[in-house]
């Protein structure tokens, strides 16, 4: 699965994948990555997450990756909320218990 961010009126593929999470965790020194961690992480870590997610997205789309890590600050300056809002799409939602799902029908 790939999503897209818009930067300078151009769409770029983003994939918050194992690769992206692993490299972000390595940089942050965190052993635990979860939606809760990402929602509460230091804002500068979004630069790492975006950098590696763009790499994963361009690889998945078989396109060329043309950014440097230092570019992430300005990219996020333009599309921070767009990126933050697409992150949950890459994490599975907890499954409801079968009995709870049947009661709702």
C-alpha atoms as a PDB file:
ATOM      1  CA  UNK A   1       0.000   0.000   0.000  1.00  0.00           C
ATOM      2  CA  UNK A   2       1.229   3.460  -0.894  1.00  0.00           C
ATOM      3  CA  UNK A   3      -0.243   6.855  -0.012  1.00  0.00           C
ATOM      4  CA  UNK A   4       0.831  10.258  -1.305  1.00  0.00           C
ATOM      5  CA  UNK A   5       1.899  13.597   0.110  1.00  0.00           C
ATOM      6  CA  UNK A   6       1.880  16.821  -1.868  1.00  0.00           C
ATOM      7  CA  UNK A   7       4.965  18.996  -1.932  1.00  0.00           C
ATOM      8  CA  UNK A   8       5.375  21.944  -4.287  1.00  0.00           C
ATOM      9  CA  UNK A   9       2.197  20.886  -6.114  1.00  0.00           C
ATOM     10  CA  UNK A  10       3.611  17.445  -6.887  1.00  0.00           C
ATOM     11  CA  UNK A  11       2.532  14.077  -5.417  1.00  0.00           C
ATOM     12  CA  UNK A  12       5.154  11.823  -3.825  1.00  0.00           C
ATOM     13  CA  UNK A  13       4.607   8.198  -2.784  1.00  0.00           C
ATOM     14  CA  UNK A  14       4.880   7.427   0.910  1.00  0.00           C
ATOM     15  CA  UNK A  15       4.848   4.037   2.579  1.00  0.00           C
ATOM     16  CA  UNK A  16       5.095   3.754   6.369  1.00  0.00           C
ATOM     17  CA  UNK A  17       6.532   0.262   6.252  1.00  0.00           C
ATOM     18  CA  UNK A  18       8.776  -2.054   8.249  1.00  0.00           C
ATOM     19  CA  UNK A  19      11.777  -0.424   6.563  1.00  0.00           C
ATOM     20  CA  UNK A  20      10.679   3.093   7.553  1.00  0.00           C
ATOM     21  CA  UNK A  21       9.773   2.135  11.127  1.00  0.00           C
ATOM     22  CA  UNK A  22      12.969   0.154  11.635  1.00  0.00           C
ATOM     23  CA  UNK A  23      15.214   3.011  10.538  1.00  0.00           C
ATOM     24  CA  UNK A  24      13.236   5.612  12.483  1.00  0.00           C
ATOM     25  CA  UNK A  25      13.444   3.426  15.607  1.00  0.00           C
ATOM     26  CA  UNK A  26      17.168   2.996  15.111  1.00  0.00           C
ATOM     27  CA  UNK A  27      17.674   6.764  14.962  1.00  0.00           C
ATOM     28  CA  UNK A  28      15.442   7.429  17.957  1.00  0.00           C
ATOM     29  CA  UNK A  29      16.854   4.603  20.055  1.00  0.00           C
ATOM     30  CA  UNK A  30      13.320   3.306  20.648  1.00  0.00           C
ATOM     31  CA  UNK A  31      12.716  -0.426  20.725  1.00  0.00           C
ATOM     32  CA  UNK A  32       8.926  -0.067  20.713  1.00  0.00           C
ATOM     33  CA  UNK A  33       7.058   1.408  17.796  1.00  0.00           C
ATOM     34  CA  UNK A  34       3.286   1.696  18.021  1.00  0.00           C
ATOM     35  CA  UNK A  35       0.600   4.192  17.099  1.00  0.00           C
ATOM     36  CA  UNK A  36       0.784   5.547  20.641  1.00  0.00           C
ATOM     37  CA  UNK A  37       4.542   6.083  20.351  1.00  0.00           C
ATOM     38  CA  UNK A  38       4.233   7.764  16.974  1.00  0.00           C
ATOM     39  CA  UNK A  39       1.468  10.039  18.202  1.00  0.00           C
ATOM     40  CA  UNK A  40       3.624  11.137  21.141  1.00  0.00           C
ATOM     41  CA  UNK A  41       7.078  11.171  19.555  1.00  0.00           C
ATOM     42  CA  UNK A  42       9.373  14.165  19.435  1.00  0.00           C
ATOM     43  CA  UNK A  43       8.254  16.295  16.498  1.00  0.00           C
ATOM     44  CA  UNK A  44      11.704  16.107  14.898  1.00  0.00           C
ATOM     45  CA  UNK A  45      11.295  12.336  14.524  1.00  0.00           C
ATOM     46  CA  UNK A  46       8.676  12.998  11.848  1.00  0.00           C
ATOM     47  CA  UNK A  47      11.591  14.065   9.654  1.00  0.00           C
ATOM     48  CA  UNK A  48      13.148  10.601   9.955  1.00  0.00           C
ATOM     49  CA  UNK A  49       9.832   8.833   9.514  1.00  0.00           C
ATOM     50  CA  UNK A  50       9.029  10.855   6.391  1.00  0.00           C
ATOM     51  CA  UNK A  51      12.514  10.371   4.948  1.00  0.00           C
ATOM     52  CA  UNK A  52      12.374   6.594   5.228  1.00  0.00           C
ATOM     53  CA  UNK A  53       8.694   6.460   4.244  1.00  0.00           C
ATOM     54  CA  UNK A  54       9.482   8.389   1.053  1.00  0.00           C
ATOM     55  CA  UNK A  55      12.311   5.946   0.323  1.00  0.00           C
ATOM     56  CA  UNK A  56       9.950   3.004   0.850  1.00  0.00           C
ATOM     57  CA  UNK A  57       7.238   4.659  -1.247  1.00  0.00           C
ATOM     58  CA  UNK A  58       9.509   5.377  -4.188  1.00  0.00           C
ATOM     59  CA  UNK A  59      10.865   1.831  -4.057  1.00  0.00           C
ATOM     60  CA  UNK A  60       7.337   0.409  -4.057  1.00  0.00           C
ATOM     61  CA  UNK A  61       6.392   2.623  -7.005  1.00  0.00           C
ATOM     62  CA  UNK A  62       9.712   1.935  -8.732  1.00  0.00           C
ATOM     63  CA  UNK A  63      10.459   5.640  -9.076  1.00  0.00           C
ATOM     64  CA  UNK A  64      13.537   7.694  -8.253  1.00  0.00           C
ATOM     65  CA  UNK A  65      14.186   8.976  -4.744  1.00  0.00           C
ATOM     66  CA  UNK A  66      15.555  12.495  -5.088  1.00  0.00           C
ATOM     67  CA  UNK A  67      15.541  13.937  -1.560  1.00  0.00           C
ATOM     68  CA  UNK A  68      18.142  14.295   1.157  1.00  0.00           C
ATOM     69  CA  UNK A  69      17.435  14.037   4.862  1.00  0.00           C
ATOM     70  CA  UNK A  70      17.929  17.797   5.259  1.00  0.00           C
ATOM     71  CA  UNK A  71      14.989  18.382   2.874  1.00  0.00           C
ATOM     72  CA  UNK A  72      12.468  16.810   5.251  1.00  0.00           C
ATOM     73  CA  UNK A  73      12.065  19.903   7.427  1.00  0.00           C
ATOM     74  CA  UNK A  74      10.815  22.024   4.523  1.00  0.00           C
ATOM     75  CA  UNK A  75       8.688  19.219   3.095  1.00  0.00           C
ATOM     76  CA  UNK A  76       6.986  18.775   6.465  1.00  0.00           C
ATOM     77  CA  UNK A  77       6.591  22.533   6.722  1.00  0.00           C
ATOM     78  CA  UNK A  78       4.269  22.258   3.730  1.00  0.00           C
ATOM     79  CA  UNK A  79       2.547  18.924   4.367  1.00  0.00           C
ATOM     80  CA  UNK A  80       2.879  18.012   8.061  1.00  0.00           C
ATOM     81  CA  UNK A  81      -0.838  17.454   8.686  1.00  0.00           C
ATOM     82  CA  UNK A  82      -1.241  15.549   5.434  1.00  0.00           C
ATOM     83  CA  UNK A  83       1.572  13.186   6.469  1.00  0.00           C
ATOM     84  CA  UNK A  84       0.393  12.837  10.076  1.00  0.00           C
ATOM     85  CA  UNK A  85      -3.151  12.029   8.915  1.00  0.00           C
ATOM     86  CA  UNK A  86      -2.037   9.256   6.569  1.00  0.00           C
ATOM     87  CA  UNK A  87       0.174   7.437   9.098  1.00  0.00           C
ATOM     88  CA  UNK A  88      -2.733   5.553  10.774  1.00  0.00           C
ATOM     89  CA  UNK A  89      -3.675   4.047   7.397  1.00  0.00           C
ATOM     90  CA  UNK A  90      -0.540   1.884   7.608  1.00  0.00           C
ATOM     91  CA  UNK A  91      -1.411   0.354  10.978  1.00  0.00           C
ATOM     92  CA  UNK A  92      -4.017  -2.398  11.272  1.00  0.00           C
ATOM     93  CA  UNK A  93      -7.083  -1.597  13.317  1.00  0.00           C
ATOM     94  CA  UNK A  94      -7.689  -3.881  16.300  1.00  0.00           C
ATOM     95  CA  UNK A  95     -10.179  -6.619  15.445  1.00  0.00           C
ATOM     96  CA  UNK A  96     -13.429  -6.520  17.333  1.00  0.00           C
ATOM     97  CA  UNK A  97     -14.334  -9.632  19.221  1.00  0.00           C
ATOM     98  CA  UNK A  98     -16.769 -11.749  17.230  1.00  0.00           C
ATOM     99  CA  UNK A  99     -19.570 -11.380  19.786  1.00  0.00           C
ATOM    100  CA  UNK A 100     -19.246  -7.590  19.872  1.00  0.00           C
ATOM    101  CA  UNK A 101     -19.410  -7.339  16.087  1.00  0.00           C
ATOM    102  CA  UNK A 102     -22.552  -9.500  15.923  1.00  0.00           C
ATOM    103  CA  UNK A 103     -24.331  -7.399  18.576  1.00  0.00           C
ATOM    104  CA  UNK A 104     -23.807  -4.244  16.504  1.00  0.00           C
ATOM    105  CA  UNK A 105     -25.585  -5.711  13.466  1.00  0.00           C
END
